[in-house]
């Protein structure tokens, strides 16, 4: 049975800014989700390989490896692992132009949320992938 929004989803938050990370973590904790944090794309890829996440929330501009490159790497690994479904990756970024959104989708992300956003905006986008 597919997971729903009300299940204890396992979410990897990839964010290098402490304030932004605290904001998204507070929203997710209110949903009783299992949350993990990575501060750059390289750590994200490493955690992806070691854990079974339901969802990844990915910042774009980070040190070491950015969110676009991390997403491309995850998609490549999913193909190599022959997974039965790919993990939803949602960009959470300050880049707000249409070409920025297209860059995220072209990298393999499933959706796009621009900063600043309201808590309900994040909840609504998660519900697209995990309906109630």
N, C-alpha and C. Protein backbone atom coordinates (compact mmCIF):
# COMPACT_ATOMS: atom_id res chain seq x y z
N UNK A 1 0.84 -1.19 0.00
CA UNK A 1 0.00 0.00 0.00
C UNK A 1 0.88 1.25 0.00
N UNK A 2 0.63 2.20 -0.90
CA UNK A 2 1.45 3.41 -0.96
C UNK A 2 1.33 4.25 0.31
N UNK A 3 2.41 4.94 0.62
CA UNK A 3 2.39 5.81 1.80
C UNK A 3 1.54 7.04 1.52
N UNK A 4 0.98 7.58 2.59
CA UNK A 4 0.17 8.78 2.49
C UNK A 4 0.81 9.91 3.28
N UNK A 5 0.26 11.10 3.14
CA UNK A 5 0.76 12.28 3.83
C UNK A 5 0.79 12.08 5.34
N UNK A 6 -0.15 11.33 5.86
CA UNK A 6 -0.27 11.16 7.32
C UNK A 6 0.65 10.06 7.87
N UNK A 7 1.28 9.30 6.99
CA UNK A 7 2.24 8.29 7.46
C UNK A 7 3.51 8.99 7.95
N UNK A 8 4.30 8.27 8.71
CA UNK A 8 5.58 8.80 9.19
C UNK A 8 6.60 8.70 8.06
N UNK A 9 6.53 9.65 7.15
CA UNK A 9 7.44 9.64 6.02
C UNK A 9 8.88 9.86 6.47
N UNK A 10 9.80 9.30 5.72
CA UNK A 10 11.21 9.51 5.96
C UNK A 10 11.71 10.54 4.93
N UNK A 11 12.13 11.70 5.43
CA UNK A 11 12.46 12.83 4.56
C UNK A 11 13.91 13.25 4.77
N UNK A 12 14.63 13.38 3.66
CA UNK A 12 15.98 13.94 3.71
C UNK A 12 15.90 15.39 3.28
N UNK A 13 16.31 16.28 4.17
CA UNK A 13 16.36 17.71 3.89
C UNK A 13 17.81 18.04 3.56
N UNK A 14 18.02 18.64 2.40
CA UNK A 14 19.37 19.00 1.96
C UNK A 14 19.43 20.52 1.92
N UNK A 15 20.09 21.09 2.91
CA UNK A 15 20.10 22.55 3.09
C UNK A 15 21.34 22.95 3.85
N UNK A 16 22.10 23.91 3.34
CA UNK A 16 23.33 24.34 4.00
C UNK A 16 23.14 25.55 4.90
N UNK A 17 22.01 26.24 4.81
CA UNK A 17 21.75 27.41 5.62
C UNK A 17 21.01 27.00 6.90
N UNK A 18 21.58 27.32 8.05
CA UNK A 18 20.99 26.89 9.34
C UNK A 18 19.57 27.39 9.53
N UNK A 19 19.31 28.65 9.22
CA UNK A 19 17.98 29.23 9.42
C UNK A 19 16.95 28.54 8.52
N UNK A 20 17.31 28.35 7.26
CA UNK A 20 16.39 27.66 6.33
C UNK A 20 16.15 26.22 6.77
N UNK A 21 17.20 25.56 7.23
CA UNK A 21 17.06 24.18 7.70
C UNK A 21 16.12 24.11 8.90
N UNK A 22 16.30 25.01 9.86
CA UNK A 22 15.44 25.01 11.05
C UNK A 22 13.98 25.23 10.67
N UNK A 23 13.74 26.10 9.69
CA UNK A 23 12.37 26.38 9.25
C UNK A 23 11.71 25.13 8.68
N UNK A 24 12.37 24.47 7.73
CA UNK A 24 11.77 23.29 7.12
C UNK A 24 11.68 22.13 8.11
N UNK A 25 12.66 21.97 8.97
CA UNK A 25 12.62 20.91 9.97
C UNK A 25 11.44 21.09 10.93
N UNK A 26 11.17 22.33 11.32
CA UNK A 26 10.03 22.61 12.21
C UNK A 26 8.71 22.22 11.55
N UNK A 27 8.57 22.51 10.28
CA UNK A 27 7.35 22.16 9.55
C UNK A 27 7.18 20.64 9.50
N UNK A 28 8.25 19.94 9.19
CA UNK A 28 8.19 18.49 9.04
C UNK A 28 7.99 17.79 10.38
N UNK A 29 8.59 18.32 11.44
CA UNK A 29 8.42 17.72 12.77
C UNK A 29 6.98 17.76 13.21
N UNK A 30 6.26 18.81 12.84
CA UNK A 30 4.84 18.90 13.20
C UNK A 30 4.02 17.80 12.53
N UNK A 31 4.55 17.22 11.45
CA UNK A 31 3.87 16.12 10.76
C UNK A 31 4.33 14.77 11.29
N UNK A 32 5.22 14.78 12.28
CA UNK A 32 5.78 13.55 12.86
C UNK A 32 6.56 12.72 11.85
N UNK A 33 7.22 13.39 10.93
CA UNK A 33 8.05 12.70 9.95
C UNK A 33 9.40 12.36 10.55
N UNK A 34 10.03 11.34 9.98
CA UNK A 34 11.40 11.00 10.31
C UNK A 34 12.29 11.85 9.42
N UNK A 35 13.11 12.68 10.02
CA UNK A 35 13.85 13.68 9.26
C UNK A 35 15.35 13.47 9.41
N UNK A 36 16.03 13.60 8.29
CA UNK A 36 17.48 13.56 8.28
C UNK A 36 17.94 14.83 7.56
N UNK A 37 19.15 15.29 7.85
CA UNK A 37 19.66 16.53 7.27
C UNK A 37 21.01 16.29 6.63
N UNK A 38 21.18 16.86 5.45
CA UNK A 38 22.49 16.88 4.77
C UNK A 38 22.79 18.34 4.44
N UNK A 39 24.04 18.74 4.63
CA UNK A 39 24.39 20.15 4.43
C UNK A 39 25.00 20.42 3.06
N UNK A 40 25.12 19.40 2.22
CA UNK A 40 25.54 19.61 0.84
C UNK A 40 25.14 18.39 0.01
N UNK A 41 25.28 18.54 -1.29
CA UNK A 41 24.86 17.48 -2.19
C UNK A 41 25.64 16.19 -2.07
N UNK A 42 26.92 16.27 -1.77
CA UNK A 42 27.75 15.06 -1.63
C UNK A 42 27.24 14.22 -0.46
N UNK A 43 26.97 14.88 0.68
CA UNK A 43 26.44 14.17 1.84
C UNK A 43 25.06 13.60 1.52
N UNK A 44 24.28 14.33 0.76
CA UNK A 44 22.95 13.86 0.35
C UNK A 44 23.07 12.54 -0.41
N UNK A 45 23.96 12.48 -1.38
CA UNK A 45 24.13 11.26 -2.17
C UNK A 45 24.58 10.11 -1.28
N UNK A 46 25.51 10.38 -0.37
CA UNK A 46 25.97 9.34 0.55
C UNK A 46 24.83 8.82 1.41
N UNK A 47 24.01 9.73 1.93
CA UNK A 47 22.88 9.31 2.77
C UNK A 47 21.82 8.58 1.95
N UNK A 48 21.61 9.00 0.72
CA UNK A 48 20.68 8.31 -0.16
C UNK A 48 21.08 6.84 -0.34
N UNK A 49 22.37 6.59 -0.47
CA UNK A 49 22.85 5.22 -0.67
C UNK A 49 22.70 4.36 0.58
N UNK A 50 22.69 4.98 1.75
CA UNK A 50 22.66 4.23 3.00
C UNK A 50 21.26 4.10 3.61
N UNK A 51 20.32 4.91 3.16
CA UNK A 51 19.01 4.97 3.80
C UNK A 51 17.90 4.84 2.78
N UNK A 52 16.72 4.58 3.27
CA UNK A 52 15.55 4.44 2.42
C UNK A 52 14.60 5.61 2.69
N UNK A 53 14.77 6.69 1.95
CA UNK A 53 13.94 7.88 2.14
C UNK A 53 12.70 7.81 1.25
N UNK A 54 11.64 8.45 1.72
CA UNK A 54 10.43 8.59 0.91
C UNK A 54 10.48 9.84 0.04
N UNK A 55 11.24 10.84 0.49
CA UNK A 55 11.21 12.16 -0.14
C UNK A 55 12.52 12.88 0.14
N UNK A 56 12.99 13.66 -0.84
CA UNK A 56 14.14 14.53 -0.64
C UNK A 56 13.72 15.95 -0.95
N UNK A 57 14.02 16.86 -0.01
CA UNK A 57 13.82 18.29 -0.22
C UNK A 57 15.20 18.90 -0.43
N UNK A 58 15.44 19.44 -1.62
CA UNK A 58 16.79 19.76 -2.06
C UNK A 58 16.99 21.25 -2.34
N UNK A 59 17.91 21.85 -1.58
CA UNK A 59 18.37 23.20 -1.91
C UNK A 59 19.20 23.09 -3.19
N UNK A 60 19.38 24.20 -3.88
CA UNK A 60 20.13 24.17 -5.13
C UNK A 60 21.57 24.64 -4.94
N UNK A 61 21.73 25.79 -4.34
CA UNK A 61 23.06 26.38 -4.23
C UNK A 61 23.69 25.99 -2.89
N UNK A 62 24.68 25.07 -2.96
CA UNK A 62 25.35 24.58 -1.76
C UNK A 62 26.82 24.36 -2.08
N UNK A 63 27.65 24.33 -1.04
CA UNK A 63 29.07 24.03 -1.27
C UNK A 63 29.27 22.53 -1.55
N UNK A 64 30.42 22.18 -2.00
CA UNK A 64 30.88 20.82 -2.28
C UNK A 64 30.18 20.23 -3.50
N UNK A 65 28.87 20.06 -3.45
CA UNK A 65 28.08 19.60 -4.59
C UNK A 65 26.73 20.28 -4.52
N UNK A 66 26.32 20.92 -5.61
CA UNK A 66 25.04 21.63 -5.60
C UNK A 66 23.87 20.65 -5.78
N UNK A 67 22.67 21.16 -5.62
CA UNK A 67 21.49 20.32 -5.68
C UNK A 67 21.21 19.72 -7.04
N UNK A 68 21.56 20.45 -8.10
CA UNK A 68 21.35 19.91 -9.44
C UNK A 68 22.24 18.71 -9.69
N UNK A 69 23.51 18.84 -9.32
CA UNK A 69 24.44 17.72 -9.52
C UNK A 69 24.09 16.53 -8.63
N UNK A 70 23.66 16.81 -7.41
CA UNK A 70 23.27 15.73 -6.50
C UNK A 70 22.06 14.97 -7.06
N UNK A 71 21.11 15.71 -7.60
CA UNK A 71 19.92 15.07 -8.17
C UNK A 71 20.31 14.21 -9.37
N UNK A 72 21.15 14.73 -10.24
CA UNK A 72 21.60 13.95 -11.40
C UNK A 72 22.28 12.66 -10.94
N UNK A 73 23.09 12.76 -9.90
CA UNK A 73 23.80 11.58 -9.38
C UNK A 73 22.81 10.56 -8.81
N UNK A 74 21.82 11.04 -8.07
CA UNK A 74 20.80 10.14 -7.50
C UNK A 74 20.02 9.45 -8.61
N UNK A 75 19.64 10.19 -9.64
CA UNK A 75 18.89 9.58 -10.75
C UNK A 75 19.74 8.53 -11.46
N UNK A 76 21.02 8.80 -11.62
CA UNK A 76 21.92 7.83 -12.25
C UNK A 76 22.02 6.57 -11.38
N UNK A 77 22.15 6.75 -10.08
CA UNK A 77 22.23 5.61 -9.16
C UNK A 77 20.94 4.81 -9.15
N UNK A 78 19.80 5.49 -9.21
CA UNK A 78 18.52 4.77 -9.26
C UNK A 78 18.45 3.87 -10.49
N UNK A 79 18.94 4.36 -11.62
CA UNK A 79 18.94 3.55 -12.84
C UNK A 79 19.86 2.34 -12.68
N UNK A 80 21.02 2.56 -12.09
CA UNK A 80 21.96 1.46 -11.88
C UNK A 80 21.40 0.43 -10.91
N UNK A 81 20.65 0.89 -9.91
CA UNK A 81 20.08 0.00 -8.90
C UNK A 81 18.78 -0.62 -9.38
N UNK A 82 18.25 -0.14 -10.53
CA UNK A 82 17.01 -0.66 -11.10
C UNK A 82 15.87 -0.63 -10.08
N UNK A 83 15.67 0.54 -9.47
CA UNK A 83 14.60 0.68 -8.48
C UNK A 83 13.24 0.65 -9.15
N UNK A 84 12.21 0.21 -8.42
CA UNK A 84 10.88 0.11 -9.01
C UNK A 84 10.16 1.46 -9.06
N UNK A 85 10.57 2.42 -8.25
CA UNK A 85 10.03 3.78 -8.34
C UNK A 85 11.10 4.76 -7.86
N UNK A 86 11.14 5.90 -8.52
CA UNK A 86 12.15 6.87 -8.13
C UNK A 86 11.65 7.74 -6.98
N UNK A 87 12.57 8.16 -6.16
CA UNK A 87 12.24 8.97 -5.01
C UNK A 87 11.88 10.38 -5.47
N UNK A 88 10.78 10.96 -4.98
CA UNK A 88 10.48 12.34 -5.33
C UNK A 88 11.54 13.29 -4.75
N UNK A 89 12.04 14.17 -5.60
CA UNK A 89 12.97 15.20 -5.17
C UNK A 89 12.34 16.55 -5.50
N UNK A 90 12.18 17.36 -4.46
CA UNK A 90 11.57 18.68 -4.62
C UNK A 90 12.63 19.74 -4.36
N UNK A 91 12.83 20.61 -5.33
CA UNK A 91 13.76 21.72 -5.17
C UNK A 91 13.13 22.76 -4.25
N UNK A 92 13.93 23.24 -3.31
CA UNK A 92 13.52 24.38 -2.49
C UNK A 92 14.63 25.41 -2.65
N UNK A 93 14.33 26.48 -3.39
CA UNK A 93 15.38 27.39 -3.82
C UNK A 93 14.94 28.83 -3.89
N UNK A 94 15.90 29.73 -3.80
CA UNK A 94 15.64 31.16 -3.98
C UNK A 94 15.62 31.52 -5.46
N UNK A 95 16.09 30.63 -6.32
CA UNK A 95 16.07 30.90 -7.76
C UNK A 95 14.64 30.82 -8.27
N UNK A 96 14.08 31.95 -8.72
CA UNK A 96 12.65 32.01 -8.97
C UNK A 96 12.26 32.24 -10.43
N UNK A 97 13.21 32.20 -11.34
CA UNK A 97 12.88 32.41 -12.73
C UNK A 97 12.44 31.10 -13.39
N UNK A 98 11.68 31.22 -14.47
CA UNK A 98 11.17 30.03 -15.16
C UNK A 98 12.31 29.12 -15.63
N UNK A 99 13.42 29.70 -16.10
CA UNK A 99 14.53 28.86 -16.55
C UNK A 99 15.18 28.13 -15.37
N UNK A 100 15.10 28.70 -14.16
CA UNK A 100 15.61 28.01 -12.98
C UNK A 100 14.77 26.76 -12.69
N UNK A 101 13.47 26.92 -12.79
CA UNK A 101 12.58 25.78 -12.59
C UNK A 101 12.87 24.70 -13.63
N UNK A 102 13.05 25.11 -14.87
CA UNK A 102 13.32 24.15 -15.93
C UNK A 102 14.65 23.44 -15.70
N UNK A 103 15.66 24.16 -15.20
CA UNK A 103 16.95 23.54 -14.88
C UNK A 103 16.78 22.44 -13.83
N UNK A 104 15.93 22.70 -12.85
CA UNK A 104 15.67 21.70 -11.80
C UNK A 104 14.98 20.47 -12.39
N UNK A 105 13.97 20.69 -13.20
CA UNK A 105 13.26 19.58 -13.82
C UNK A 105 14.18 18.80 -14.75
N UNK A 106 15.02 19.52 -15.52
CA UNK A 106 15.95 18.86 -16.43
C UNK A 106 16.98 18.01 -15.67
N UNK A 107 17.32 18.41 -14.45
CA UNK A 107 18.28 17.65 -13.64
C UNK A 107 17.65 16.38 -13.07
N UNK A 108 16.32 16.30 -13.11
CA UNK A 108 15.63 15.10 -12.60
C UNK A 108 14.78 15.35 -11.38
N UNK A 109 14.65 16.61 -10.98
CA UNK A 109 13.78 16.91 -9.84
C UNK A 109 12.33 16.78 -10.29
N UNK A 110 11.47 16.54 -9.33
CA UNK A 110 10.06 16.33 -9.64
C UNK A 110 9.21 17.58 -9.47
N UNK A 111 9.68 18.49 -8.64
CA UNK A 111 8.90 19.69 -8.37
C UNK A 111 9.82 20.78 -7.86
N UNK A 112 9.22 21.95 -7.59
CA UNK A 112 9.99 23.15 -7.37
C UNK A 112 9.22 24.09 -6.44
N UNK A 113 9.85 24.53 -5.38
CA UNK A 113 9.24 25.48 -4.44
C UNK A 113 10.23 26.61 -4.21
N UNK A 114 9.77 27.85 -4.37
CA UNK A 114 10.69 28.98 -4.22
C UNK A 114 10.64 29.55 -2.81
N UNK A 115 11.82 29.97 -2.35
CA UNK A 115 11.95 30.67 -1.07
C UNK A 115 11.69 32.15 -1.31
N UNK A 116 11.09 32.85 -0.39
CA UNK A 116 10.50 32.33 0.83
C UNK A 116 9.15 31.67 0.54
N UNK A 117 8.79 30.74 1.38
CA UNK A 117 7.52 30.05 1.23
C UNK A 117 6.86 29.93 2.59
N UNK A 118 5.56 29.70 2.56
CA UNK A 118 4.79 29.52 3.80
C UNK A 118 4.79 28.03 4.15
N UNK A 119 4.65 27.69 5.43
CA UNK A 119 4.57 26.27 5.80
C UNK A 119 3.53 25.50 4.98
N UNK A 120 2.38 26.12 4.73
CA UNK A 120 1.33 25.44 3.98
C UNK A 120 1.77 25.13 2.55
N UNK A 121 2.62 25.98 1.98
CA UNK A 121 3.13 25.72 0.63
C UNK A 121 3.91 24.41 0.59
N UNK A 122 4.74 24.18 1.60
CA UNK A 122 5.50 22.94 1.67
C UNK A 122 4.58 21.74 1.88
N UNK A 123 3.64 21.88 2.76
CA UNK A 123 2.68 20.80 3.02
C UNK A 123 1.91 20.46 1.74
N UNK A 124 1.46 21.49 1.03
CA UNK A 124 0.69 21.26 -0.19
C UNK A 124 1.50 20.51 -1.25
N UNK A 125 2.76 20.85 -1.38
CA UNK A 125 3.58 20.19 -2.40
C UNK A 125 3.88 18.74 -2.00
N UNK A 126 4.06 18.48 -0.72
CA UNK A 126 4.26 17.10 -0.26
C UNK A 126 3.01 16.26 -0.53
N UNK A 127 1.85 16.86 -0.33
CA UNK A 127 0.59 16.14 -0.55
C UNK A 127 0.38 15.73 -2.01
N UNK A 128 1.07 16.39 -2.92
CA UNK A 128 0.99 15.98 -4.32
C UNK A 128 1.54 14.55 -4.47
N UNK A 129 2.60 14.26 -3.75
CA UNK A 129 3.28 12.97 -3.87
C UNK A 129 2.80 11.94 -2.84
N UNK A 130 2.23 12.44 -1.75
CA UNK A 130 1.72 11.57 -0.69
C UNK A 130 0.36 12.09 -0.26
N UNK A 131 -0.67 11.79 -1.03
CA UNK A 131 -2.02 12.30 -0.71
C UNK A 131 -2.51 11.77 0.64
N UNK A 132 -3.49 12.44 1.18
CA UNK A 132 -4.05 12.02 2.47
C UNK A 132 -4.86 10.76 2.34
